Amino acid sequence: MAEIRLTNVTKKFGATIAVDRVSFVVQDKEFLVLVGPSGCGKTTTLRMIAGLEDVTEGEIYIGGRKVNDIPPKDRDIAMVFQNYALYPHMSVYKNLAFGLKQRKFPRKQIDLRVKEVARMLGIEALIARKPKELSGGQRQRVAMGRAIVRKPRVFLFDEPLSNLDAKLRVQMRGELAKLHDRLETTIVYVTHDQVEAMTMADRIVVMDRGKTMQIGRPMEVYNNPKNIFVAGFIGSPAMNFLDVRLGAEDGRPLVFGESVKLLVPEKFQDRLLKAKGRDLILGVRPEYIYDKALKGGFPGGETIRVSAEVVEPIGSQIIVLVSAGNTHLTACLDPQTSAQPRKTMELLVDTNRMHFFDRDTGEAY
């Protein structure tokens, strides 16, 4: 078993708290992703699991064994870094074999393992080359192979795809996911890219300023963000936020802002009882805003009249930045939309997909 357990783990650098009482469990064979903006503490958390940073407070367990004071080499983990960390003077073969030689594996077993991993990663033809003769994607495969060849219980990945171009990143995401299914090992993966987190993880841990903001399955976090930080960080383009108040008109509950007035569906009314008359933040994702001329009406679809400011065609959809007075929104519209800059248009907001947050605490209702 290779379960990883962090209990109230804190890391301080002098007076600076980099990781603040973080607790979570990585189940055996799970692919867990730590995601958040730069400086949120995710890499420091990973390095503490690896033993590359000391734990200031709290406890870390790997496979039921407390590892706070156990050196990295004795934790049965392998780490893949952002910069690959290959030995430039060694061939691919020697890079793959290095860790096994250090552990005094028999030469025949080393050769079998290296060739097996090279076949698995599609780098058999490269084993005589040195790192400078490889592309970025090939180097990343070698770095992963060097970790895989040791057959550790836990893999730790620190932003391994961030140096690759966009097309190769998509390809490598798929390969990593397949690799996890094949190896059946526990993986903890760090990234600032929420698309990587959403597409690869069994569960994600969203971090900000050293704290865990939310832990859950990707679509659970996407659909039910616990606070305004998670709502704004997960999703691309980012969720729209509007300052509103909860009120009523003709006996019907609604939220109203400076230039926007939307009826509140019945499913929200109970949870918003305590918010009546209070300042709220309304969140709505760009993909749940539609061009009324194309979509037509639907239950929960509320009309807003806006002026299109920027129109960005990206093939499968058109991203349109619109304004209603001082209220600005982003909408992901059908490519057939007739939206044009500086032209007015009507949009439909799917009010069944709205989110509400307390303006003071940022917590979701």
Foldseek 3Di string as FASTA:
>chain_A
DWKKWWAQWWDDDVPATQAGGETDIFDWLFEEEEAEDPSQNQVVVLCQQQQVDATPDTFMDTPNHTCNPPHNVPRLEAEAEQVLPFDQVAFLLCSLLVVVVVVVDDPVLSVVLSCVLCVLLVNNVRRRHGPVPDDLLSSLSSSVSSRVSSLGQEYEYEANCPPDDPVVSVVVLVSVQVVSVVSSHTYYYYDHDLVSNLPRGCKYFYGGSNYTQDIDHNVCCQQDPFFQVSQQSHDPPGKFKAKWAWDDDPRFIWIDDDQDIFTADPVCVVVCVVRHGHIKIKIAHQAQKEFCVPPPDDVQWDKGKWAWADWADDDQWIWTWTDGVPGIDIHTYGPPDPHDHRHMGMMIGRNVRMWMAHPPPRGTD
